[in-house]
């Protein structure tokens, strides 16, 4: 009988910290973009959002390639609150970025 492989706590924490770190950095760039936008610097805000995109993509890649793909390949991941925190932060940061992108891009077209 084949046993299911289980991700170690340490490995899980490292992946979650990668997601949290990149999502947090991306979110910080979103708020910098918001400050730039409110200060009338629309083009700089757009560039700052592009920087945020890179960090949020890195967080998403870690989530997908290191957690979701692991489970899809039959691996087991035991639930820990750090997973919830990582996914929540990524989701919130992505939603805030998407909302601000719509505002900034609409104002640049004006």
N, C-alpha and C. Protein backbone atom coordinates (compact mmCIF):
# COMPACT_ATOMS: atom_id res chain seq x y z
N UNK A 1 0.83 -1.18 0.00
CA UNK A 1 0.00 0.00 0.00
C UNK A 1 0.89 1.25 0.00
N UNK A 2 0.57 2.19 -0.85
CA UNK A 2 1.35 3.41 -0.99
C UNK A 2 0.89 4.43 0.05
N UNK A 3 1.85 5.02 0.78
CA UNK A 3 1.47 6.02 1.78
C UNK A 3 1.49 7.41 1.15
N UNK A 4 0.64 8.27 1.67
CA UNK A 4 0.55 9.63 1.18
C UNK A 4 1.69 10.45 1.75
N UNK A 5 2.36 11.18 0.89
CA UNK A 5 3.43 12.05 1.39
C UNK A 5 2.79 13.27 2.04
N UNK A 6 3.41 13.75 3.09
CA UNK A 6 2.88 14.89 3.84
C UNK A 6 3.95 15.97 3.93
N UNK A 7 3.57 17.20 3.58
CA UNK A 7 4.50 18.31 3.65
C UNK A 7 4.86 18.56 5.12
N UNK A 8 6.14 18.74 5.38
CA UNK A 8 6.58 19.00 6.76
C UNK A 8 6.11 20.38 7.22
N UNK A 9 6.00 20.55 8.53
CA UNK A 9 5.60 21.85 9.09
C UNK A 9 6.57 22.93 8.66
N UNK A 10 7.86 22.62 8.70
CA UNK A 10 8.87 23.61 8.33
C UNK A 10 8.73 24.03 6.86
N UNK A 11 8.54 23.05 5.99
CA UNK A 11 8.38 23.36 4.56
C UNK A 11 7.12 24.20 4.33
N UNK A 12 6.04 23.83 5.00
CA UNK A 12 4.79 24.58 4.87
C UNK A 12 4.97 26.02 5.35
N UNK A 13 5.62 26.19 6.48
CA UNK A 13 5.85 27.53 7.01
C UNK A 13 6.71 28.36 6.07
N UNK A 14 7.71 27.75 5.45
CA UNK A 14 8.56 28.47 4.50
C UNK A 14 7.76 28.93 3.28
N UNK A 15 6.92 28.06 2.76
CA UNK A 15 6.10 28.43 1.60
C UNK A 15 5.13 29.53 1.99
N UNK A 16 4.49 29.38 3.14
CA UNK A 16 3.53 30.40 3.58
C UNK A 16 4.22 31.74 3.81
N UNK A 17 5.43 31.72 4.36
CA UNK A 17 6.16 32.97 4.56
C UNK A 17 6.55 33.60 3.22
N UNK A 18 6.81 32.78 2.22
CA UNK A 18 7.09 33.30 0.88
C UNK A 18 5.86 34.01 0.33
N UNK A 19 4.70 33.39 0.50
CA UNK A 19 3.45 34.02 0.06
C UNK A 19 3.20 35.30 0.84
N UNK A 20 3.31 35.24 2.16
CA UNK A 20 3.06 36.40 3.02
C UNK A 20 4.02 37.54 2.70
N UNK A 21 5.29 37.23 2.54
CA UNK A 21 6.30 38.24 2.25
C UNK A 21 6.02 38.95 0.92
N UNK A 22 5.79 38.18 -0.12
CA UNK A 22 5.54 38.77 -1.44
C UNK A 22 4.20 39.50 -1.49
N UNK A 23 3.17 38.92 -0.89
CA UNK A 23 1.86 39.58 -0.87
C UNK A 23 1.93 40.87 -0.07
N UNK A 24 2.63 40.85 1.06
CA UNK A 24 2.77 42.05 1.88
C UNK A 24 3.54 43.15 1.16
N UNK A 25 4.61 42.76 0.48
CA UNK A 25 5.39 43.74 -0.28
C UNK A 25 4.55 44.30 -1.44
N UNK A 26 3.82 43.42 -2.10
CA UNK A 26 2.93 43.88 -3.18
C UNK A 26 1.89 44.85 -2.67
N UNK A 27 1.32 44.54 -1.52
CA UNK A 27 0.29 45.40 -0.93
C UNK A 27 0.88 46.77 -0.56
N UNK A 28 2.10 46.78 -0.05
CA UNK A 28 2.75 48.05 0.27
C UNK A 28 2.90 48.91 -0.99
N UNK A 29 3.23 48.28 -2.11
CA UNK A 29 3.34 49.02 -3.37
C UNK A 29 1.98 49.51 -3.85
N UNK A 30 0.93 48.77 -3.57
CA UNK A 30 -0.42 49.22 -3.91
C UNK A 30 -0.74 50.51 -3.16
N UNK A 31 -0.41 50.54 -1.88
CA UNK A 31 -0.69 51.74 -1.08
C UNK A 31 0.20 52.91 -1.47
N UNK A 32 1.42 52.63 -1.89
CA UNK A 32 2.28 53.69 -2.42
C UNK A 32 1.66 54.24 -3.70
N UNK A 33 1.14 53.36 -4.54
CA UNK A 33 0.47 53.79 -5.77
C UNK A 33 -0.75 54.65 -5.45
N UNK A 34 -1.49 54.27 -4.43
CA UNK A 34 -2.66 55.05 -4.02
C UNK A 34 -2.23 56.45 -3.59
N UNK A 35 -1.18 56.54 -2.79
CA UNK A 35 -0.68 57.85 -2.36
C UNK A 35 -0.24 58.69 -3.56
N UNK A 36 0.45 58.07 -4.50
CA UNK A 36 0.87 58.78 -5.71
C UNK A 36 -0.34 59.26 -6.50
N UNK A 37 -1.32 58.41 -6.65
CA UNK A 37 -2.54 58.77 -7.39
C UNK A 37 -3.23 59.95 -6.72
N UNK A 38 -3.39 59.88 -5.41
CA UNK A 38 -4.06 60.96 -4.68
C UNK A 38 -3.27 62.26 -4.74
N UNK A 39 -1.96 62.14 -4.95
CA UNK A 39 -1.10 63.32 -5.11
C UNK A 39 -1.05 63.82 -6.54
N UNK A 40 -1.83 63.21 -7.42
CA UNK A 40 -1.91 63.66 -8.80
C UNK A 40 -0.87 63.06 -9.73
N UNK A 41 -0.10 62.12 -9.25
CA UNK A 41 0.96 61.52 -10.07
C UNK A 41 0.47 60.19 -10.66
N UNK A 42 -0.39 60.28 -11.63
CA UNK A 42 -1.06 59.10 -12.18
C UNK A 42 -0.10 58.12 -12.87
N UNK A 43 0.82 58.63 -13.65
CA UNK A 43 1.75 57.74 -14.36
C UNK A 43 2.68 57.01 -13.38
N UNK A 44 3.13 57.72 -12.35
CA UNK A 44 3.96 57.08 -11.33
C UNK A 44 3.15 56.02 -10.58
N UNK A 45 1.88 56.32 -10.34
CA UNK A 45 1.00 55.35 -9.67
C UNK A 45 0.87 54.09 -10.53
N UNK A 46 0.74 54.28 -11.84
CA UNK A 46 0.64 53.13 -12.74
C UNK A 46 1.90 52.27 -12.67
N UNK A 47 3.06 52.90 -12.66
CA UNK A 47 4.32 52.16 -12.58
C UNK A 47 4.44 51.42 -11.24
N UNK A 48 3.98 52.06 -10.18
CA UNK A 48 4.03 51.43 -8.85
C UNK A 48 3.11 50.20 -8.82
N UNK A 49 1.99 50.29 -9.50
CA UNK A 49 1.09 49.13 -9.60
C UNK A 49 1.74 47.99 -10.38
N UNK A 50 2.54 48.33 -11.37
CA UNK A 50 3.26 47.29 -12.11
C UNK A 50 4.27 46.58 -11.20
N UNK A 51 4.90 47.34 -10.32
CA UNK A 51 5.81 46.73 -9.34
C UNK A 51 5.02 45.82 -8.41
N UNK A 52 3.87 46.29 -7.95
CA UNK A 52 3.00 45.47 -7.09
C UNK A 52 2.62 44.17 -7.80
N UNK A 53 2.34 44.26 -9.09
CA UNK A 53 1.99 43.07 -9.88
C UNK A 53 3.05 41.99 -9.77
N UNK A 54 4.31 42.39 -9.85
CA UNK A 54 5.41 41.42 -9.79
C UNK A 54 5.43 40.67 -8.46
N UNK A 55 5.27 41.40 -7.38
CA UNK A 55 5.27 40.76 -6.06
C UNK A 55 4.04 39.86 -5.88
N UNK A 56 2.89 40.34 -6.31
CA UNK A 56 1.68 39.54 -6.14
C UNK A 56 1.72 38.30 -7.04
N UNK A 57 2.34 38.41 -8.20
CA UNK A 57 2.49 37.24 -9.06
C UNK A 57 3.42 36.22 -8.41
N UNK A 58 4.49 36.70 -7.78
CA UNK A 58 5.41 35.79 -7.08
C UNK A 58 4.69 35.07 -5.94
N UNK A 59 3.84 35.79 -5.22
CA UNK A 59 3.07 35.16 -4.13
C UNK A 59 2.11 34.12 -4.69
N UNK A 60 1.44 34.47 -5.78
CA UNK A 60 0.51 33.53 -6.41
C UNK A 60 1.24 32.30 -6.93
N UNK A 61 2.40 32.52 -7.53
CA UNK A 61 3.18 31.39 -8.05
C UNK A 61 3.57 30.43 -6.93
N UNK A 62 4.00 30.98 -5.79
CA UNK A 62 4.36 30.13 -4.65
C UNK A 62 3.14 29.36 -4.17
N UNK A 63 2.01 30.04 -4.09
CA UNK A 63 0.78 29.38 -3.66
C UNK A 63 0.44 28.23 -4.60
N UNK A 64 0.52 28.49 -5.89
CA UNK A 64 0.10 27.48 -6.85
C UNK A 64 1.12 26.36 -7.00
N UNK A 65 2.38 26.73 -7.24
CA UNK A 65 3.38 25.70 -7.56
C UNK A 65 3.85 24.91 -6.34
N UNK A 66 3.78 25.52 -5.17
CA UNK A 66 4.30 24.84 -3.98
C UNK A 66 3.22 24.28 -3.06
N UNK A 67 2.00 24.78 -3.15
CA UNK A 67 0.93 24.25 -2.30
C UNK A 67 -0.11 23.50 -3.12
N UNK A 68 -0.74 24.19 -4.05
CA UNK A 68 -1.82 23.57 -4.81
C UNK A 68 -1.32 22.41 -5.66
N UNK A 69 -0.21 22.60 -6.35
CA UNK A 69 0.33 21.52 -7.18
C UNK A 69 0.74 20.33 -6.33
N UNK A 70 1.26 20.60 -5.14
CA UNK A 70 1.65 19.53 -4.22
C UNK A 70 0.44 18.66 -3.88
N UNK A 71 -0.67 19.31 -3.57
CA UNK A 71 -1.89 18.55 -3.26
C UNK A 71 -2.43 17.84 -4.49
N UNK A 72 -2.39 18.49 -5.63
CA UNK A 72 -2.89 17.87 -6.86
C UNK A 72 -2.09 16.62 -7.22
N UNK A 73 -0.83 16.59 -6.80
CA UNK A 73 0.02 15.42 -7.06
C UNK A 73 -0.14 14.35 -5.98
N UNK A 74 -1.11 14.54 -5.09
CA UNK A 74 -1.39 13.53 -4.07
C UNK A 74 -0.77 13.79 -2.72
N UNK A 75 -0.07 14.90 -2.57
CA UNK A 75 0.54 15.22 -1.29
C UNK A 75 -0.48 15.75 -0.30
N UNK A 76 -0.18 15.56 0.96
CA UNK A 76 -1.08 16.03 2.01
C UNK A 76 -0.47 17.25 2.69
N UNK A 77 -1.31 18.24 2.94
CA UNK A 77 -0.88 19.43 3.67
C UNK A 77 -1.80 19.55 4.88
N UNK A 78 -1.22 19.47 6.06
CA UNK A 78 -2.01 19.59 7.27
C UNK A 78 -2.33 21.06 7.50
N UNK A 79 -3.58 21.32 7.88
CA UNK A 79 -4.02 22.70 8.07
C UNK A 79 -3.29 23.36 9.23
N UNK A 80 -2.87 24.60 8.99
CA UNK A 80 -2.32 25.47 10.02
C UNK A 80 -2.86 26.87 9.76
N UNK A 81 -3.00 27.65 10.80
CA UNK A 81 -3.53 29.00 10.64
C UNK A 81 -2.67 29.87 9.73
N UNK A 82 -1.38 29.58 9.64
CA UNK A 82 -0.51 30.38 8.79
C UNK A 82 -0.93 30.27 7.32
N UNK A 83 -1.50 29.13 6.93
CA UNK A 83 -2.01 28.98 5.56
C UNK A 83 -3.15 29.96 5.33
N UNK A 84 -4.05 30.01 6.29
CA UNK A 84 -5.20 30.91 6.19
C UNK A 84 -4.74 32.36 6.09
N UNK A 85 -3.77 32.72 6.92
CA UNK A 85 -3.24 34.09 6.89
C UNK A 85 -2.61 34.40 5.54
N UNK A 86 -1.82 33.49 5.02
CA UNK A 86 -1.15 33.70 3.73
C UNK A 86 -2.16 33.88 2.60
N UNK A 87 -3.16 33.02 2.55
CA UNK A 87 -4.16 33.10 1.48
C UNK A 87 -5.02 34.36 1.62
N UNK A 88 -5.35 34.72 2.86
CA UNK A 88 -6.14 35.92 3.11
C UNK A 88 -5.38 37.17 2.67
N UNK A 89 -4.12 37.26 3.04
CA UNK A 89 -3.32 38.43 2.67
C UNK A 89 -3.17 38.53 1.15
N UNK A 90 -2.95 37.42 0.50
CA UNK A 90 -2.82 37.42 -0.96
C UNK A 90 -4.12 37.87 -1.62
N UNK A 91 -5.24 37.36 -1.13
CA UNK A 91 -6.54 37.71 -1.70
C UNK A 91 -6.84 39.20 -1.51
N UNK A 92 -6.62 39.71 -0.31
CA UNK A 92 -6.91 41.12 -0.02
C UNK A 92 -6.00 42.02 -0.86
N UNK A 93 -4.71 41.73 -0.88
CA UNK A 93 -3.77 42.55 -1.64
C UNK A 93 -4.11 42.55 -3.13
N UNK A 94 -4.49 41.41 -3.65
CA UNK A 94 -4.86 41.31 -5.07
C UNK A 94 -6.13 42.11 -5.36
N UNK A 95 -7.10 42.03 -4.47
CA UNK A 95 -8.36 42.76 -4.67
C UNK A 95 -8.12 44.27 -4.59
N UNK A 96 -7.30 44.70 -3.64
CA UNK A 96 -7.00 46.13 -3.53
C UNK A 96 -6.25 46.62 -4.77
N UNK A 97 -5.31 45.83 -5.25
CA UNK A 97 -4.59 46.18 -6.46
C UNK A 97 -5.53 46.30 -7.65
N UNK A 98 -6.41 45.32 -7.80
CA UNK A 98 -7.34 45.33 -8.94
C UNK A 98 -8.26 46.54 -8.90
N UNK A 99 -8.75 46.89 -7.72
CA UNK A 99 -9.63 48.05 -7.59
C UNK A 99 -8.89 49.33 -7.95
N UNK A 100 -7.69 49.49 -7.41
CA UNK A 100 -6.93 50.70 -7.69
C UNK A 100 -6.52 50.77 -9.16
N UNK A 101 -6.21 49.63 -9.76
CA UNK A 101 -5.87 49.61 -11.18
C UNK A 101 -7.00 50.18 -12.03
N UNK A 102 -8.22 49.78 -11.72
CA UNK A 102 -9.38 50.29 -12.47
C UNK A 102 -9.47 51.81 -12.34
N UNK A 103 -9.28 52.32 -11.15
CA UNK A 103 -9.37 53.76 -10.92
C UNK A 103 -8.25 54.49 -11.65
N UNK A 104 -7.03 54.02 -11.49
CA UNK A 104 -5.88 54.69 -12.11
C UNK A 104 -5.99 54.63 -13.63
N UNK A 105 -6.29 53.48 -14.18
CA UNK A 105 -6.37 53.35 -15.64
C UNK A 105 -7.51 54.19 -16.21
N UNK A 106 -8.63 54.25 -15.51
CA UNK A 106 -9.75 55.07 -15.98
C UNK A 106 -9.36 56.55 -15.99
N UNK A 107 -8.62 56.98 -14.99
CA UNK A 107 -8.25 58.39 -14.92
C UNK A 107 -7.18 58.75 -15.95
N UNK A 108 -6.33 57.80 -16.31
CA UNK A 108 -5.30 58.06 -17.33
C UNK A 108 -5.96 58.22 -18.71
N UNK A 109 -7.04 57.49 -18.94
CA UNK A 109 -7.74 57.56 -20.23
C UNK A 109 -8.49 58.87 -20.41
N UNK A 110 -8.77 59.57 -19.32
CA UNK A 110 -9.55 60.82 -19.40
C UNK A 110 -8.80 61.90 -20.14
